[in-house]
Amino acid sequence: MTIQEAQQRVDQWITTTGVRYFSELTNMAILTEEVGEVARIMARQYGEQSFKESDLKKELSDELSDVLWVLICLANQCGVDLTAALEANFVKKDRRDAERHRQNKKLH
């Protein structure tokens, strides 16, 4: 699935099954909540935090897809073409960071 197809599928699901989009501010709060759930798993799986019984049923892939879903919702609501935005972001990073990371001694 392309990013454009994902934006279309999310929009179709929201406007049929989901009835309508939540407000942009509500979706921003939901995005923050979902990112927190990813952080919780990362802290336990890759960090020093121990798992609680309730954490064991959580899947990183599911939580990351929740983040992507809400991000796509926000993009749709705000009229952002994520494909074009990501392509522009690559151009920006290529110009800005062409040598920066190679010259960073911390990365070698």
PDB file of N, CA and C in Angstrom:
ATOM      1  N   MET A   1       0.851  -1.176   0.000  1.00  0.00           N
ATOM      2  CA  MET A   1       0.000   0.000   0.000  1.00  0.00           C
ATOM      3  C   MET A   1       0.899   1.243   0.000  1.00  0.00           C
ATOM      4  N   THR A   2       0.590   2.186  -0.850  1.00  0.00           N
ATOM      5  CA  THR A   2       1.338   3.439  -0.876  1.00  0.00           C
ATOM      6  C   THR A   2       0.820   4.352   0.234  1.00  0.00           C
ATOM      7  N   ILE A   3       1.549   5.411   0.481  1.00  0.00           N
ATOM      8  CA  ILE A   3       1.090   6.390   1.470  1.00  0.00           C
ATOM      9  C   ILE A   3      -0.212   7.021   1.006  1.00  0.00           C
ATOM     10  N   GLN A   4      -0.300   7.330  -0.288  1.00  0.00           N
ATOM     11  CA  GLN A   4      -1.522   7.918  -0.835  1.00  0.00           C
ATOM     12  C   GLN A   4      -2.709   6.966  -0.649  1.00  0.00           C
ATOM     13  N   GLU A   5      -2.491   5.682  -0.919  1.00  0.00           N
ATOM     14  CA  GLU A   5      -3.563   4.700  -0.724  1.00  0.00           C
ATOM     15  C   GLU A   5      -3.956   4.612   0.744  1.00  0.00           C
ATOM     16  N   ALA A   6      -2.981   4.693   1.628  1.00  0.00           N
ATOM     17  CA  ALA A   6      -3.280   4.661   3.062  1.00  0.00           C
ATOM     18  C   ALA A   6      -4.133   5.863   3.454  1.00  0.00           C
ATOM     19  N   GLN A   7      -3.799   7.030   2.936  1.00  0.00           N
ATOM     20  CA  GLN A   7      -4.607   8.217   3.242  1.00  0.00           C
ATOM     21  C   GLN A   7      -6.038   8.047   2.735  1.00  0.00           C
ATOM     22  N   GLN A   8      -6.177   7.479   1.554  1.00  0.00           N
ATOM     23  CA  GLN A   8      -7.516   7.270   0.995  1.00  0.00           C
ATOM     24  C   GLN A   8      -8.299   6.229   1.804  1.00  0.00           C
ATOM     25  N   ARG A   9      -7.636   5.145   2.186  1.00  0.00           N
ATOM     26  CA  ARG A   9      -8.324   4.086   2.939  1.00  0.00           C
ATOM     27  C   ARG A   9      -8.743   4.550   4.320  1.00  0.00           C
ATOM     28  N   VAL A  10      -7.882   5.306   4.979  1.00  0.00           N
ATOM     29  CA  VAL A  10      -8.255   5.847   6.291  1.00  0.00           C
ATOM     30  C   VAL A  10      -9.446   6.780   6.133  1.00  0.00           C
ATOM     31  N   ASP A  11      -9.401   7.642   5.122  1.00  0.00           N
ATOM     32  CA  ASP A  11     -10.519   8.568   4.906  1.00  0.00           C
ATOM     33  C   ASP A  11     -11.809   7.813   4.631  1.00  0.00           C
ATOM     34  N   GLN A  12     -11.732   6.779   3.812  1.00  0.00           N
ATOM     35  CA  GLN A  12     -12.920   5.987   3.512  1.00  0.00           C
ATOM     36  C   GLN A  12     -13.470   5.326   4.778  1.00  0.00           C
ATOM     37  N   TRP A  13     -12.600   4.771   5.607  1.00  0.00           N
ATOM     38  CA  TRP A  13     -13.037   4.120   6.836  1.00  0.00           C
ATOM     39  C   TRP A  13     -13.665   5.134   7.787  1.00  0.00           C
ATOM     40  N   ILE A  14     -13.013   6.280   7.930  1.00  0.00           N
ATOM     41  CA  ILE A  14     -13.519   7.314   8.843  1.00  0.00           C
ATOM     42  C   ILE A  14     -14.901   7.786   8.399  1.00  0.00           C
ATOM     43  N   THR A  15     -15.083   8.019   7.114  1.00  0.00           N
ATOM     44  CA  THR A  15     -16.350   8.596   6.642  1.00  0.00           C
ATOM     45  C   THR A  15     -17.467   7.567   6.516  1.00  0.00           C
ATOM     46  N   THR A  16     -17.144   6.282   6.649  1.00  0.00           N
ATOM     47  CA  THR A  16     -18.198   5.264   6.606  1.00  0.00           C
ATOM     48  C   THR A  16     -18.374   4.645   7.991  1.00  0.00           C
ATOM     49  N   THR A  17     -17.412   3.876   8.417  1.00  0.00           N
ATOM     50  CA  THR A  17     -17.502   3.185   9.704  1.00  0.00           C
ATOM     51  C   THR A  17     -17.344   4.134  10.880  1.00  0.00           C
ATOM     52  N   GLY A  18     -16.421   5.064  10.757  1.00  0.00           N
ATOM     53  CA  GLY A  18     -16.130   5.975  11.865  1.00  0.00           C
ATOM     54  C   GLY A  18     -17.064   7.163  11.970  1.00  0.00           C
ATOM     55  N   VAL A  19     -17.953   7.342  11.053  1.00  0.00           N
ATOM     56  CA  VAL A  19     -18.937   8.434  10.963  1.00  0.00           C
ATOM     57  C   VAL A  19     -18.286   9.744  10.523  1.00  0.00           C
ATOM     58  N   ARG A  20     -17.306  10.234  11.306  1.00  0.00           N
ATOM     59  CA  ARG A  20     -16.618  11.480  10.963  1.00  0.00           C
ATOM     60  C   ARG A  20     -15.295  11.515  11.712  1.00  0.00           C
ATOM     61  N   TYR A  21     -14.431  12.440  11.297  1.00  0.00           N
ATOM     62  CA  TYR A  21     -13.166  12.642  11.995  1.00  0.00           C
ATOM     63  C   TYR A  21     -13.427  13.288  13.350  1.00  0.00           C
ATOM     64  N   PHE A  22     -12.627  12.928  14.346  1.00  0.00           N
ATOM     65  CA  PHE A  22     -12.589  13.714  15.578  1.00  0.00           C
ATOM     66  C   PHE A  22     -11.985  15.060  15.222  1.00  0.00           C
ATOM     67  N   SER A  23     -12.122  16.040  16.072  1.00  0.00           N
ATOM     68  CA  SER A  23     -11.508  17.345  15.797  1.00  0.00           C
ATOM     69  C   SER A  23      -9.995  17.201  15.743  1.00  0.00           C
ATOM     70  N   GLU A  24      -9.366  18.166  15.094  1.00  0.00           N
ATOM     71  CA  GLU A  24      -7.912  18.145  14.985  1.00  0.00           C
ATOM     72  C   GLU A  24      -7.247  18.135  16.358  1.00  0.00           C
ATOM     73  N   LEU A  25      -7.786  18.912  17.294  1.00  0.00           N
ATOM     74  CA  LEU A  25      -7.197  18.941  18.638  1.00  0.00           C
ATOM     75  C   LEU A  25      -7.373  17.614  19.360  1.00  0.00           C
ATOM     76  N   THR A  26      -8.529  16.979  19.184  1.00  0.00           N
ATOM     77  CA  THR A  26      -8.736  15.658  19.786  1.00  0.00           C
ATOM     78  C   THR A  26      -7.765  14.660  19.179  1.00  0.00           C
ATOM     79  N   ASN A  27      -7.606  14.683  17.864  1.00  0.00           N
ATOM     80  CA  ASN A  27      -6.670  13.762  17.223  1.00  0.00           C
ATOM     81  C   ASN A  27      -5.228  14.039  17.636  1.00  0.00           C
ATOM     82  N   MET A  28      -4.888  15.304  17.884  1.00  0.00           N
ATOM     83  CA  MET A  28      -3.534  15.603  18.372  1.00  0.00           C
ATOM     84  C   MET A  28      -3.324  14.980  19.749  1.00  0.00           C
ATOM     85  N   ALA A  29      -4.329  15.056  20.604  1.00  0.00           N
ATOM     86  CA  ALA A  29      -4.234  14.445  21.928  1.00  0.00           C
ATOM     87  C   ALA A  29      -4.148  12.921  21.817  1.00  0.00           C
ATOM     88  N   ILE A  30      -4.924  12.344  20.906  1.00  0.00           N
ATOM     89  CA  ILE A  30      -4.887  10.891  20.693  1.00  0.00           C
ATOM     90  C   ILE A  30      -3.511  10.475  20.165  1.00  0.00           C
ATOM     91  N   LEU A  31      -2.942  11.271  19.247  1.00  0.00           N
ATOM     92  CA  LEU A  31      -1.610  10.973  18.723  1.00  0.00           C
ATOM     93  C   LEU A  31      -0.581  10.951  19.854  1.00  0.00           C
ATOM     94  N   THR A  32      -0.666  11.921  20.733  1.00  0.00           N
ATOM     95  CA  THR A  32       0.247  11.978  21.879  1.00  0.00           C
ATOM     96  C   THR A  32       0.086  10.747  22.757  1.00  0.00           C
ATOM     97  N   GLU A  33      -1.151  10.351  22.980  1.00  0.00           N
ATOM     98  CA  GLU A  33      -1.431   9.149  23.774  1.00  0.00           C
ATOM     99  C   GLU A  33      -0.839   7.902  23.109  1.00  0.00           C
ATOM    100  N   GLU A  34      -1.009   7.778  21.810  1.00  0.00           N
ATOM    101  CA  GLU A  34      -0.494   6.610  21.089  1.00  0.00           C
ATOM    102  C   GLU A  34       1.037   6.580  21.091  1.00  0.00           C
ATOM    103  N   VAL A  35       1.667   7.732  20.942  1.00  0.00           N
ATOM    104  CA  VAL A  35       3.127   7.794  21.004  1.00  0.00           C
ATOM    105  C   VAL A  35       3.593   7.384  22.397  1.00  0.00           C
ATOM    106  N   GLY A  36       2.838   7.768  23.423  1.00  0.00           N
ATOM    107  CA  GLY A  36       3.155   7.338  24.784  1.00  0.00           C
ATOM    108  C   GLY A  36       3.097   5.829  24.941  1.00  0.00           C
ATOM    109  N   GLU A  37       2.163   5.189  24.267  1.00  0.00           N
ATOM    110  CA  GLU A  37       2.068   3.730  24.321  1.00  0.00           C
ATOM    111  C   GLU A  37       3.262   3.079  23.634  1.00  0.00           C
ATOM    112  N   VAL A  38       3.740   3.683  22.547  1.00  0.00           N
ATOM    113  CA  VAL A  38       4.957   3.190  21.899  1.00  0.00           C
ATOM    114  C   VAL A  38       6.141   3.357  22.853  1.00  0.00           C
ATOM    115  N   ALA A  39       6.227   4.508  23.497  1.00  0.00           N
ATOM    116  CA  ALA A  39       7.323   4.765  24.434  1.00  0.00           C
ATOM    117  C   ALA A  39       7.309   3.762  25.581  1.00  0.00           C
ATOM    118  N   ARG A  40       6.125   3.414  26.053  1.00  0.00           N
ATOM    119  CA  ARG A  40       6.001   2.447  27.150  1.00  0.00           C
ATOM    120  C   ARG A  40       6.590   1.088  26.748  1.00  0.00           C
ATOM    121  N   ILE A  41       6.249   0.635  25.558  1.00  0.00           N
ATOM    122  CA  ILE A  41       6.789  -0.643  25.076  1.00  0.00           C
ATOM    123  C   ILE A  41       8.298  -0.549  24.886  1.00  0.00           C
ATOM    124  N   MET A  42       8.767   0.530  24.277  1.00  0.00           N
ATOM    125  CA  MET A  42      10.203   0.691  24.023  1.00  0.00           C
ATOM    126  C   MET A  42      10.995   0.708  25.328  1.00  0.00           C
ATOM    127  N   ALA A  43      10.470   1.395  26.334  1.00  0.00           N
ATOM    128  CA  ALA A  43      11.164   1.477  27.626  1.00  0.00           C
ATOM    129  C   ALA A  43      11.280   0.116  28.286  1.00  0.00           C
ATOM    130  N   ARG A  44      10.310  -0.748  28.022  1.00  0.00           N
ATOM    131  CA  ARG A  44      10.319  -2.071  28.630  1.00  0.00           C
ATOM    132  C   ARG A  44      11.087  -3.086  27.786  1.00  0.00           C
ATOM    133  N   GLN A  45      10.944  -2.976  26.479  1.00  0.00           N
ATOM    134  CA  GLN A  45      11.588  -3.945  25.598  1.00  0.00           C
ATOM    135  C   GLN A  45      13.071  -3.645  25.389  1.00  0.00           C
ATOM    136  N   TYR A  46      13.415  -2.363  25.287  1.00  0.00           N
ATOM    137  CA  TYR A  46      14.794  -1.987  24.978  1.00  0.00           C
ATOM    138  C   TYR A  46      15.479  -1.231  26.108  1.00  0.00           C
ATOM    139  N   GLY A  47      14.709  -0.768  27.070  1.00  0.00           N
ATOM    140  CA  GLY A  47      15.276  -0.023  28.189  1.00  0.00           C
ATOM    141  C   GLY A  47      15.301  -0.850  29.460  1.00  0.00           C
ATOM    142  N   GLU A  48      15.442  -0.189  30.565  1.00  0.00           N
ATOM    143  CA  GLU A  48      15.578  -0.856  31.856  1.00  0.00           C
ATOM    144  C   GLU A  48      14.259  -1.088  32.577  1.00  0.00           C
ATOM    145  N   GLN A  49      13.191  -0.507  32.076  1.00  0.00           N
ATOM    146  CA  GLN A  49      11.890  -0.653  32.740  1.00  0.00           C
ATOM    147  C   GLN A  49      11.395  -2.088  32.630  1.00  0.00           C
ATOM    148  N   SER A  50      10.800  -2.602  33.692  1.00  0.00           N
ATOM    149  CA  SER A  50      10.275  -3.974  33.656  1.00  0.00           C
ATOM    150  C   SER A  50       8.824  -3.972  33.175  1.00  0.00           C
ATOM    151  N   PHE A  51       8.426  -5.089  32.595  1.00  0.00           N
ATOM    152  CA  PHE A  51       7.061  -5.246  32.101  1.00  0.00           C
ATOM    153  C   PHE A  51       6.111  -5.496  33.254  1.00  0.00           C
ATOM    154  N   LYS A  52       4.938  -4.884  33.176  1.00  0.00           N
ATOM    155  CA  LYS A  52       3.831  -5.223  34.067  1.00  0.00           C
ATOM    156  C   LYS A  52       2.980  -6.256  33.336  1.00  0.00           C
ATOM    157  N   GLU A  53       2.154  -6.957  34.055  1.00  0.00           N
ATOM    158  CA  GLU A  53       1.285  -7.966  33.431  1.00  0.00           C
ATOM    159  C   GLU A  53       0.461  -7.354  32.296  1.00  0.00           C
ATOM    160  N   SER A  54      -0.051  -6.144  32.508  1.00  0.00           N
ATOM    161  CA  SER A  54      -0.885  -5.492  31.485  1.00  0.00           C
ATOM    162  C   SER A  54      -0.084  -5.090  30.245  1.00  0.00           C
ATOM    163  N   ASP A  55       1.235  -4.965  30.363  1.00  0.00           N
ATOM    164  CA  ASP A  55       2.076  -4.593  29.222  1.00  0.00           C
ATOM    165  C   ASP A  55       2.349  -5.766  28.299  1.00  0.00           C
ATOM    166  N   LEU A  56       2.249  -6.966  28.801  1.00  0.00           N
ATOM    167  CA  LEU A  56       2.662  -8.142  28.043  1.00  0.00           C
ATOM    168  C   LEU A  56       1.791  -8.409  26.817  1.00  0.00           C
ATOM    169  N   LYS A  57       0.572  -7.908  26.812  1.00  0.00           N
ATOM    170  CA  LYS A  57      -0.341  -8.129  25.687  1.00  0.00           C
ATOM    171  C   LYS A  57      -0.157  -7.091  24.580  1.00  0.00           C
ATOM    172  N   LYS A  58       0.635  -6.070  24.833  1.00  0.00           N
ATOM    173  CA  LYS A  58       0.829  -4.988  23.867  1.00  0.00           C
ATOM    174  C   LYS A  58       1.875  -5.379  22.841  1.00  0.00           C
ATOM    175  N   GLU A  59       1.593  -5.061  21.585  1.00  0.00           N
ATOM    176  CA  GLU A  59       2.496  -5.345  20.470  1.00  0.00           C
ATOM    177  C   GLU A  59       3.030  -4.025  19.916  1.00  0.00           C
ATOM    178  N   LEU A  60       4.340  -3.932  19.756  1.00  0.00           N
ATOM    179  CA  LEU A  60       4.938  -2.720  19.205  1.00  0.00           C
ATOM    180  C   LEU A  60       4.367  -2.409  17.827  1.00  0.00           C
ATOM    181  N   SER A  61       4.216  -3.422  16.985  1.00  0.00           N
ATOM    182  CA  SER A  61       3.698  -3.189  15.628  1.00  0.00           C
ATOM    183  C   SER A  61       2.294  -2.589  15.661  1.00  0.00           C
ATOM    184  N   ASP A  62       1.469  -3.052  16.574  1.00  0.00           N
ATOM    185  CA  ASP A  62       0.104  -2.528  16.695  1.00  0.00           C
ATOM    186  C   ASP A  62       0.118  -1.078  17.164  1.00  0.00           C
ATOM    187  N   GLU A  63       0.961  -0.791  18.139  1.00  0.00           N
ATOM    188  CA  GLU A  63       1.025   0.580  18.663  1.00  0.00           C
ATOM    189  C   GLU A  63       1.604   1.539  17.628  1.00  0.00           C
ATOM    190  N   LEU A  64       2.617   1.097  16.872  1.00  0.00           N
ATOM    191  CA  LEU A  64       3.158   1.947  15.812  1.00  0.00           C
ATOM    192  C   LEU A  64       2.118   2.207  14.731  1.00  0.00           C
ATOM    193  N   SER A  65       1.320   1.184  14.411  1.00  0.00           N
ATOM    194  CA  SER A  65       0.284   1.397  13.394  1.00  0.00           C
ATOM    195  C   SER A  65      -0.810   2.324  13.917  1.00  0.00           C
ATOM    196  N   ASP A  66      -1.071   2.310  15.224  1.00  0.00           N
ATOM    197  CA  ASP A  66      -2.010   3.282  15.800  1.00  0.00           C
ATOM    198  C   ASP A  66      -1.495   4.708  15.621  1.00  0.00           C
ATOM    199  N   VAL A  67      -0.193   4.903  15.840  1.00  0.00           N
ATOM    200  CA  VAL A  67       0.418   6.226  15.635  1.00  0.00           C
ATOM    201  C   VAL A  67       0.258   6.641  14.180  1.00  0.00           C
ATOM    202  N   LEU A  68       0.563   5.728  13.265  1.00  0.00           N
ATOM    203  CA  LEU A  68       0.453   6.029  11.837  1.00  0.00           C
ATOM    204  C   LEU A  68      -0.985   6.371  11.453  1.00  0.00           C
ATOM    205  N   TRP A  69      -1.931   5.618  11.981  1.00  0.00           N
ATOM    206  CA  TRP A  69      -3.353   5.859  11.694  1.00  0.00           C
ATOM    207  C   TRP A  69      -3.755   7.281  12.070  1.00  0.00           C
ATOM    208  N   VAL A  70      -3.434   7.684  13.287  1.00  0.00           N
ATOM    209  CA  VAL A  70      -3.847   9.017  13.756  1.00  0.00           C
ATOM    210  C   VAL A  70      -3.079  10.103  13.006  1.00  0.00           C
ATOM    211  N   LEU A  71      -1.816   9.845  12.685  1.00  0.00           N
ATOM    212  CA  LEU A  71      -1.039  10.795  11.895  1.00  0.00           C
ATOM    213  C   LEU A  71      -1.680  10.992  10.524  1.00  0.00           C
ATOM    214  N   ILE A  72      -2.125   9.906   9.922  1.00  0.00           N
ATOM    215  CA  ILE A  72      -2.813   9.987   8.630  1.00  0.00           C
ATOM    216  C   ILE A  72      -4.126  10.755   8.781  1.00  0.00           C
ATOM    217  N   CYS A  73      -4.849  10.507   9.854  1.00  0.00           N
ATOM    218  CA  CYS A  73      -6.083  11.273  10.096  1.00  0.00           C
ATOM    219  C   CYS A  73      -5.796  12.765  10.132  1.00  0.00           C
ATOM    220  N   LEU A  74      -4.775  13.156  10.879  1.00  0.00           N
ATOM    221  CA  LEU A  74      -4.429  14.579  10.971  1.00  0.00           C
ATOM    222  C   LEU A  74      -4.018  15.142   9.613  1.00  0.00           C
ATOM    223  N   ALA A  75      -3.242  14.382   8.868  1.00  0.00           N
ATOM    224  CA  ALA A  75      -2.847  14.838   7.533  1.00  0.00           C
ATOM    225  C   ALA A  75      -4.073  15.042   6.655  1.00  0.00           C
ATOM    226  N   ASN A  76      -4.975  14.084   6.676  1.00  0.00           N
ATOM    227  CA  ASN A  76      -6.204  14.205   5.879  1.00  0.00           C
ATOM    228  C   ASN A  76      -7.001  15.431   6.285  1.00  0.00           C
ATOM    229  N   GLN A  77      -7.157  15.632   7.573  1.00  0.00           N
ATOM    230  CA  GLN A  77      -7.952  16.767   8.057  1.00  0.00           C
ATOM    231  C   GLN A  77      -7.333  18.105   7.690  1.00  0.00           C
ATOM    232  N   CYS A  78      -6.012  18.150   7.670  1.00  0.00           N
ATOM    233  CA  CYS A  78      -5.301  19.410   7.428  1.00  0.00           C
ATOM    234  C   CYS A  78      -4.915  19.599   5.962  1.00  0.00           C
ATOM    235  N   GLY A  79      -5.340  18.659   5.103  1.00  0.00           N
ATOM    236  CA  GLY A  79      -5.074  18.790   3.677  1.00  0.00           C
ATOM    237  C   GLY A  79      -3.615  18.549   3.297  1.00  0.00           C
ATOM    238  N   VAL A  80      -2.935  17.696   4.050  1.00  0.00           N
ATOM    239  CA  VAL A  80      -1.527  17.404   3.779  1.00  0.00           C
ATOM    240  C   VAL A  80      -1.414  16.112   2.971  1.00  0.00           C
ATOM    241  N   ASP A  81      -0.753  16.202   1.825  1.00  0.00           N
ATOM    242  CA  ASP A  81      -0.417  15.034   1.016  1.00  0.00           C
ATOM    243  C   ASP A  81       0.877  14.486   1.600  1.00  0.00           C
ATOM    244  N   LEU A  82       0.799  13.395   2.339  1.00  0.00           N
ATOM    245  CA  LEU A  82       1.974  12.862   3.023  1.00  0.00           C
ATOM    246  C   LEU A  82       3.057  12.376   2.066  1.00  0.00           C
ATOM    247  N   THR A  83       2.678  11.904   0.890  1.00  0.00           N
ATOM    248  CA  THR A  83       3.681  11.495  -0.099  1.00  0.00           C
ATOM    249  C   THR A  83       4.520  12.695  -0.509  1.00  0.00           C
ATOM    250  N   ALA A  84       3.865  13.773  -0.887  1.00  0.00           N
ATOM    251  CA  ALA A  84       4.574  14.988  -1.299  1.00  0.00           C
ATOM    252  C   ALA A  84       5.376  15.568  -0.135  1.00  0.00           C
ATOM    253  N   ALA A  85       4.799  15.532   1.059  1.00  0.00           N
ATOM    254  CA  ALA A  85       5.495  16.065   2.231  1.00  0.00           C
ATOM    255  C   ALA A  85       6.749  15.257   2.541  1.00  0.00           C
ATOM    256  N   LEU A  86       6.657  13.934   2.438  1.00  0.00           N
ATOM    257  CA  LEU A  86       7.822  13.090   2.708  1.00  0.00           C
ATOM    258  C   LEU A  86       8.898  13.285   1.644  1.00  0.00           C
ATOM    259  N   GLU A  87       8.478  13.407   0.388  1.00  0.00           N
ATOM    260  CA  GLU A  87       9.442  13.664  -0.681  1.00  0.00           C
ATOM    261  C   GLU A  87      10.163  14.988  -0.454  1.00  0.00           C
ATOM    262  N   ALA A  88       9.426  16.016  -0.062  1.00  0.00           N
ATOM    263  CA  ALA A  88      10.029  17.325   0.226  1.00  0.00           C
ATOM    264  C   ALA A  88      10.961  17.231   1.426  1.00  0.00           C
ATOM    265  N   ASN A  89      10.613  16.393   2.392  1.00  0.00           N
ATOM    266  CA  ASN A  89      11.444  16.222   3.578  1.00  0.00           C
ATOM    267  C   ASN A  89      12.779  15.574   3.222  1.00  0.00           C
ATOM    268  N   PHE A  90      12.763  14.612   2.289  1.00  0.00           N
ATOM    269  CA  PHE A  90      14.014  14.004   1.826  1.00  0.00           C
ATOM    270  C   PHE A  90      14.904  15.054   1.177  1.00  0.00           C
ATOM    271  N   VAL A  91      14.312  15.910   0.353  1.00  0.00           N
ATOM    272  CA  VAL A  91      15.082  16.970  -0.309  1.00  0.00           C
ATOM    273  C   VAL A  91      15.703  17.881   0.746  1.00  0.00           C
ATOM    274  N   LYS A  92      14.908  18.275   1.727  1.00  0.00           N
ATOM    275  CA  LYS A  92      15.399  19.144   2.797  1.00  0.00           C
ATOM    276  C   LYS A  92      16.563  18.484   3.534  1.00  0.00           C
ATOM    277  N   LYS A  93      16.403  17.228   3.904  1.00  0.00           N
ATOM    278  CA  LYS A  93      17.453  16.523   4.647  1.00  0.00           C
ATOM    279  C   LYS A  93      18.705  16.323   3.797  1.00  0.00           C
ATOM    280  N   ASP A  94      18.527  16.041   2.487  1.00  0.00           N
ATOM    281  CA  ASP A  94      19.677  15.884   1.602  1.00  0.00           C
ATOM    282  C   ASP A  94      20.497  17.170   1.549  1.00  0.00           C
ATOM    283  N   ARG A  95      19.822  18.305   1.485  1.00  0.00           N
ATOM    284  CA  ARG A  95      20.527  19.590   1.422  1.00  0.00           C
ATOM    285  C   ARG A  95      21.166  19.932   2.763  1.00  0.00           C
ATOM    286  N   ARG A  96      20.395  19.803   3.816  1.00  0.00           N
ATOM    287  CA  ARG A  96      20.844  20.232   5.142  1.00  0.00           C
ATOM    288  C   ARG A  96      21.878  19.292   5.750  1.00  0.00           C
ATOM    289  N   ASP A  97      21.697  18.007   5.545  1.00  0.00           N
ATOM    290  CA  ASP A  97      22.497  17.028   6.269  1.00  0.00           C
ATOM    291  C   ASP A  97      23.466  16.243   5.393  1.00  0.00           C
ATOM    292  N   ALA A  98      23.754  16.751   4.198  1.00  0.00           N
ATOM    293  CA  ALA A  98      24.599  16.012   3.247  1.00  0.00           C
ATOM    294  C   ALA A  98      25.926  15.588   3.863  1.00  0.00           C
ATOM    295  N   GLU A  99      26.536  16.425   4.654  1.00  0.00           N
ATOM    296  CA  GLU A  99      27.828  16.101   5.265  1.00  0.00           C
ATOM    297  C   GLU A  99      27.761  16.011   6.788  1.00  0.00           C
ATOM    298  N   ARG A 100      26.741  16.568   7.365  1.00  0.00           N
ATOM    299  CA  ARG A 100      26.670  16.698   8.826  1.00  0.00           C
ATOM    300  C   ARG A 100      26.849  15.369   9.547  1.00  0.00           C
ATOM    301  N   HIS A 101      26.153  14.319   9.136  1.00  0.00           N
ATOM    302  CA  HIS A 101      26.216  13.050   9.846  1.00  0.00           C
ATOM    303  C   HIS A 101      27.541  12.328   9.595  1.00  0.00           C
ATOM    304  N   ARG A 102      28.088  12.466   8.399  1.00  0.00           N
ATOM    305  CA  ARG A 102      29.395  11.870   8.116  1.00  0.00           C
ATOM    306  C   ARG A 102      30.499  12.526   8.940  1.00  0.00           C
ATOM    307  N   GLN A 103      30.316  13.793   9.256  1.00  0.00           N
ATOM    308  CA  GLN A 103      31.322  14.512  10.029  1.00  0.00           C
ATOM    309  C   GLN A 103      31.111  14.396  11.549  1.00  0.00           C
ATOM    310  N   ASN A 104      30.042  13.749  11.944  1.00  0.00           N
ATOM    311  CA  ASN A 104      29.743  13.591  13.379  1.00  0.00           C
ATOM    312  C   ASN A 104      30.568  12.425  13.943  1.00  0.00           C
ATOM    313  N   LYS A 105      31.562  12.738  14.735  1.00  0.00           N
ATOM    314  CA  LYS A 105      32.457  11.721  15.301  1.00  0.00           C
ATOM    315  C   LYS A 105      31.727  10.740  16.217  1.00  0.00           C
ATOM    316  N   LYS A 106      30.603  11.148  16.747  1.00  0.00           N
ATOM    317  CA  LYS A 106      29.819  10.275  17.634  1.00  0.00           C
ATOM    318  C   LYS A 106      29.206   9.114  16.875  1.00  0.00           C
ATOM    319  N   LEU A 107      29.073   9.229  15.568  1.00  0.00           N
ATOM    320  CA  LEU A 107      28.454   8.188  14.764  1.00  0.00           C
ATOM    321  C   LEU A 107      29.469   7.195  14.203  1.00  0.00           C
ATOM    322  N   HIS A 108      30.736   7.431  14.432  1.00  0.00           N
ATOM    323  CA  HIS A 108      31.776   6.536  13.893  1.00  0.00           C
ATOM    324  C   HIS A 108      32.362   5.678  14.985  1.00  0.00           C
TER     325      HIS A 108
END
